[in-house]
Amino acid sequence: MSSRTAALAFALLLPLVPAQAAEAEAKEVARSSNCKPGKVEVVRRVTGSNGETIYKIACTEQKDSFVLVRCYQRTCLLAR
């Protein structure tokens, strides 16, 4: 693999890292809100310099209950 190909692969994978970190932090916000996290879905994703992601996290203890968590970069807050 040439250095140019490796640089391109790294550049393509780089945007994926913050999303994974935000998902783990979103689960932590759900836990602190008395919701044992189950399935995680992305409800809304805005890209750009002020990007945000809203996650819908299912609570495993109660059927049909969920929380919405809004993440800006690595800062996540309970939205609902």
N, C-alpha and C. Protein backbone atom coordinates (compact mmCIF):
# COMPACT_ATOMS: atom_id res chain seq x y z
N MET A 1 0.85 -1.17 0.00
CA MET A 1 0.00 0.00 0.00
C MET A 1 0.90 1.24 0.00
N SER A 2 0.66 2.13 -0.93
CA SER A 2 1.48 3.34 -1.00
C SER A 2 1.09 4.31 0.11
N SER A 3 1.95 5.25 0.38
CA SER A 3 1.66 6.22 1.45
C SER A 3 0.46 7.09 1.06
N ARG A 4 0.27 7.33 -0.22
CA ARG A 4 -0.88 8.12 -0.66
C ARG A 4 -2.19 7.36 -0.41
N THR A 5 -2.20 6.08 -0.70
CA THR A 5 -3.37 5.24 -0.46
C THR A 5 -3.65 5.15 1.03
N ALA A 6 -2.62 5.00 1.83
CA ALA A 6 -2.79 4.92 3.28
C ALA A 6 -3.34 6.22 3.83
N ALA A 7 -2.86 7.35 3.32
CA ALA A 7 -3.35 8.66 3.77
C ALA A 7 -4.81 8.83 3.41
N LEU A 8 -5.21 8.39 2.21
CA LEU A 8 -6.59 8.48 1.79
C LEU A 8 -7.49 7.61 2.67
N ALA A 9 -7.05 6.39 2.97
CA ALA A 9 -7.83 5.50 3.84
C ALA A 9 -7.98 6.10 5.22
N PHE A 10 -6.92 6.68 5.76
CA PHE A 10 -6.98 7.32 7.07
C PHE A 10 -7.95 8.49 7.05
N ALA A 11 -7.92 9.31 6.00
CA ALA A 11 -8.81 10.47 5.89
C ALA A 11 -10.27 10.04 5.81
N LEU A 12 -10.54 8.91 5.17
CA LEU A 12 -11.92 8.43 5.08
C LEU A 12 -12.42 7.85 6.40
N LEU A 13 -11.53 7.27 7.19
CA LEU A 13 -11.93 6.68 8.46
C LEU A 13 -11.97 7.69 9.59
N LEU A 14 -11.27 8.78 9.47
CA LEU A 14 -11.19 9.77 10.54
C LEU A 14 -12.55 10.29 10.98
N PRO A 15 -13.50 10.61 10.08
CA PRO A 15 -14.80 11.09 10.54
C PRO A 15 -15.59 10.06 11.34
N LEU A 16 -15.26 8.78 11.24
CA LEU A 16 -16.00 7.75 11.96
C LEU A 16 -15.65 7.71 13.44
N VAL A 17 -14.47 8.13 13.81
CA VAL A 17 -14.03 8.03 15.19
C VAL A 17 -14.86 8.88 16.16
N PRO A 18 -15.12 10.17 15.89
CA PRO A 18 -15.92 10.95 16.83
C PRO A 18 -17.33 10.39 17.01
N ALA A 19 -17.93 9.85 15.95
CA ALA A 19 -19.27 9.29 16.08
C ALA A 19 -19.29 8.12 17.05
N GLN A 20 -18.27 7.26 16.99
CA GLN A 20 -18.22 6.13 17.91
C GLN A 20 -18.02 6.60 19.34
N ALA A 21 -17.19 7.59 19.53
CA ALA A 21 -16.97 8.13 20.87
C ALA A 21 -18.24 8.76 21.40
N ALA A 22 -18.95 9.48 20.56
CA ALA A 22 -20.19 10.13 20.98
C ALA A 22 -21.24 9.09 21.34
N GLU A 23 -21.29 7.97 20.63
CA GLU A 23 -22.26 6.93 20.94
C GLU A 23 -22.00 6.34 22.33
N ALA A 24 -20.75 6.10 22.66
CA ALA A 24 -20.42 5.59 23.99
C ALA A 24 -20.79 6.61 25.07
N GLU A 25 -20.54 7.87 24.81
CA GLU A 25 -20.89 8.91 25.78
C GLU A 25 -22.39 9.08 25.87
N ALA A 26 -23.12 8.89 24.76
CA ALA A 26 -24.58 8.96 24.79
C ALA A 26 -25.14 7.84 25.65
N LYS A 27 -24.56 6.65 25.56
CA LYS A 27 -24.99 5.54 26.41
C LYS A 27 -24.76 5.86 27.88
N GLU A 28 -23.66 6.55 28.19
CA GLU A 28 -23.36 6.93 29.57
C GLU A 28 -24.40 7.92 30.09
N VAL A 29 -24.84 8.84 29.25
CA VAL A 29 -25.89 9.78 29.64
C VAL A 29 -27.19 9.02 29.91
N ALA A 30 -27.49 8.03 29.09
CA ALA A 30 -28.69 7.21 29.30
C ALA A 30 -28.61 6.48 30.64
N ARG A 31 -27.44 5.90 30.95
CA ARG A 31 -27.27 5.21 32.24
C ARG A 31 -27.49 6.15 33.42
N SER A 32 -26.97 7.36 33.31
CA SER A 32 -27.12 8.32 34.41
C SER A 32 -28.56 8.80 34.53
N SER A 33 -29.38 8.52 33.53
CA SER A 33 -30.80 8.89 33.57
C SER A 33 -31.67 7.67 33.89
N ASN A 34 -31.10 6.68 34.54
CA ASN A 34 -31.80 5.46 34.95
C ASN A 34 -32.36 4.67 33.78
N CYS A 35 -31.61 4.62 32.70
CA CYS A 35 -32.00 3.85 31.52
C CYS A 35 -30.83 2.94 31.16
N LYS A 36 -31.04 1.64 31.32
CA LYS A 36 -30.00 0.69 30.91
C LYS A 36 -30.06 0.61 29.39
N PRO A 37 -29.00 1.10 28.70
CA PRO A 37 -29.07 1.22 27.24
C PRO A 37 -29.12 -0.11 26.51
N GLY A 38 -29.98 -0.11 25.50
CA GLY A 38 -30.09 -1.25 24.61
C GLY A 38 -29.72 -0.81 23.20
N LYS A 39 -30.69 -0.92 22.30
CA LYS A 39 -30.47 -0.55 20.90
C LYS A 39 -30.26 0.96 20.77
N VAL A 40 -29.28 1.35 19.97
CA VAL A 40 -28.98 2.77 19.73
C VAL A 40 -29.24 3.07 18.26
N GLU A 41 -30.05 4.11 18.02
CA GLU A 41 -30.35 4.55 16.65
C GLU A 41 -29.98 6.01 16.50
N VAL A 42 -29.48 6.37 15.35
CA VAL A 42 -29.23 7.78 15.04
C VAL A 42 -30.52 8.35 14.47
N VAL A 43 -31.06 9.36 15.15
CA VAL A 43 -32.30 9.99 14.71
C VAL A 43 -31.99 11.13 13.74
N ARG A 44 -30.95 11.89 14.07
CA ARG A 44 -30.59 13.05 13.25
C ARG A 44 -29.09 13.28 13.34
N ARG A 45 -28.46 13.57 12.21
CA ARG A 45 -27.04 13.89 12.19
C ARG A 45 -26.83 15.13 11.33
N VAL A 46 -26.21 16.14 11.91
CA VAL A 46 -25.89 17.37 11.20
C VAL A 46 -24.38 17.45 11.12
N THR A 47 -23.86 17.63 9.92
CA THR A 47 -22.41 17.72 9.74
C THR A 47 -22.00 19.18 9.64
N GLY A 48 -20.73 19.42 9.74
CA GLY A 48 -20.20 20.77 9.63
C GLY A 48 -19.48 21.17 10.89
N SER A 49 -19.13 22.44 10.97
CA SER A 49 -18.35 22.91 12.11
C SER A 49 -19.15 22.86 13.41
N ASN A 50 -20.46 23.01 13.34
CA ASN A 50 -21.32 22.92 14.53
C ASN A 50 -22.18 21.66 14.47
N GLY A 51 -21.57 20.56 14.07
CA GLY A 51 -22.31 19.32 13.90
C GLY A 51 -22.85 18.77 15.20
N GLU A 52 -23.95 18.04 15.09
CA GLU A 52 -24.55 17.39 16.24
C GLU A 52 -25.16 16.07 15.79
N THR A 53 -25.34 15.19 16.74
CA THR A 53 -25.99 13.91 16.50
C THR A 53 -27.00 13.69 17.60
N ILE A 54 -28.21 13.27 17.22
CA ILE A 54 -29.24 12.94 18.20
C ILE A 54 -29.45 11.43 18.14
N TYR A 55 -29.29 10.78 19.28
CA TYR A 55 -29.44 9.33 19.39
C TYR A 55 -30.75 9.00 20.12
N LYS A 56 -31.40 7.95 19.66
CA LYS A 56 -32.55 7.37 20.36
C LYS A 56 -32.05 6.07 20.97
N ILE A 57 -32.06 6.02 22.31
CA ILE A 57 -31.51 4.86 23.01
C ILE A 57 -32.65 4.15 23.73
N ALA A 58 -32.88 2.90 23.37
CA ALA A 58 -33.93 2.10 24.00
C ALA A 58 -33.49 1.69 25.40
N CYS A 59 -34.42 1.76 26.34
CA CYS A 59 -34.17 1.31 27.72
C CYS A 59 -34.60 -0.15 27.83
N THR A 60 -33.72 -1.00 28.32
CA THR A 60 -34.02 -2.43 28.34
C THR A 60 -34.92 -2.85 29.49
N GLU A 61 -35.01 -2.03 30.56
CA GLU A 61 -35.83 -2.44 31.69
C GLU A 61 -37.33 -2.31 31.42
N GLN A 62 -37.71 -1.31 30.63
CA GLN A 62 -39.12 -1.06 30.38
C GLN A 62 -39.40 -1.16 28.88
N LYS A 63 -40.47 -1.84 28.54
CA LYS A 63 -40.83 -2.00 27.14
C LYS A 63 -41.30 -0.66 26.57
N ASP A 64 -40.90 -0.36 25.36
CA ASP A 64 -41.29 0.86 24.63
C ASP A 64 -40.86 2.16 25.31
N SER A 65 -39.82 2.12 26.14
CA SER A 65 -39.30 3.37 26.71
C SER A 65 -37.92 3.65 26.10
N PHE A 66 -37.65 4.93 25.94
CA PHE A 66 -36.38 5.34 25.34
C PHE A 66 -36.03 6.74 25.82
N VAL A 67 -34.79 7.12 25.58
CA VAL A 67 -34.34 8.49 25.84
C VAL A 67 -33.71 9.01 24.56
N LEU A 68 -33.78 10.32 24.40
CA LEU A 68 -33.10 10.98 23.30
C LEU A 68 -31.91 11.74 23.87
N VAL A 69 -30.76 11.55 23.27
CA VAL A 69 -29.52 12.18 23.73
C VAL A 69 -28.94 12.98 22.58
N ARG A 70 -28.65 14.25 22.83
CA ARG A 70 -28.06 15.14 21.82
C ARG A 70 -26.57 15.30 22.11
N CYS A 71 -25.74 15.04 21.11
CA CYS A 71 -24.29 15.13 21.26
C CYS A 71 -23.72 16.18 20.32
N TYR A 72 -22.90 17.05 20.87
CA TYR A 72 -22.11 18.01 20.11
C TYR A 72 -20.66 17.59 20.31
N GLN A 73 -20.03 17.13 19.26
CA GLN A 73 -18.67 16.60 19.32
C GLN A 73 -18.61 15.53 20.40
N ARG A 74 -17.98 15.78 21.57
CA ARG A 74 -17.89 14.76 22.61
C ARG A 74 -18.71 15.13 23.84
N THR A 75 -19.58 16.14 23.74
CA THR A 75 -20.42 16.54 24.85
C THR A 75 -21.86 16.09 24.56
N CYS A 76 -22.41 15.27 25.45
CA CYS A 76 -23.75 14.73 25.26
C CYS A 76 -24.65 15.16 26.41
N LEU A 77 -25.89 15.51 26.06
CA LEU A 77 -26.88 15.93 27.03
C LEU A 77 -28.19 15.20 26.78
N LEU A 78 -28.95 14.98 27.84
CA LEU A 78 -30.26 14.34 27.71
C LEU A 78 -31.21 15.33 27.05
N ALA A 79 -31.85 14.91 25.95
CA ALA A 79 -32.80 15.77 25.25
C ALA A 79 -34.22 15.46 25.67
N ARG A 80 -34.48 14.20 26.03
CA ARG A 80 -35.83 13.81 26.47
C ARG A 80 -35.75 12.53 27.25
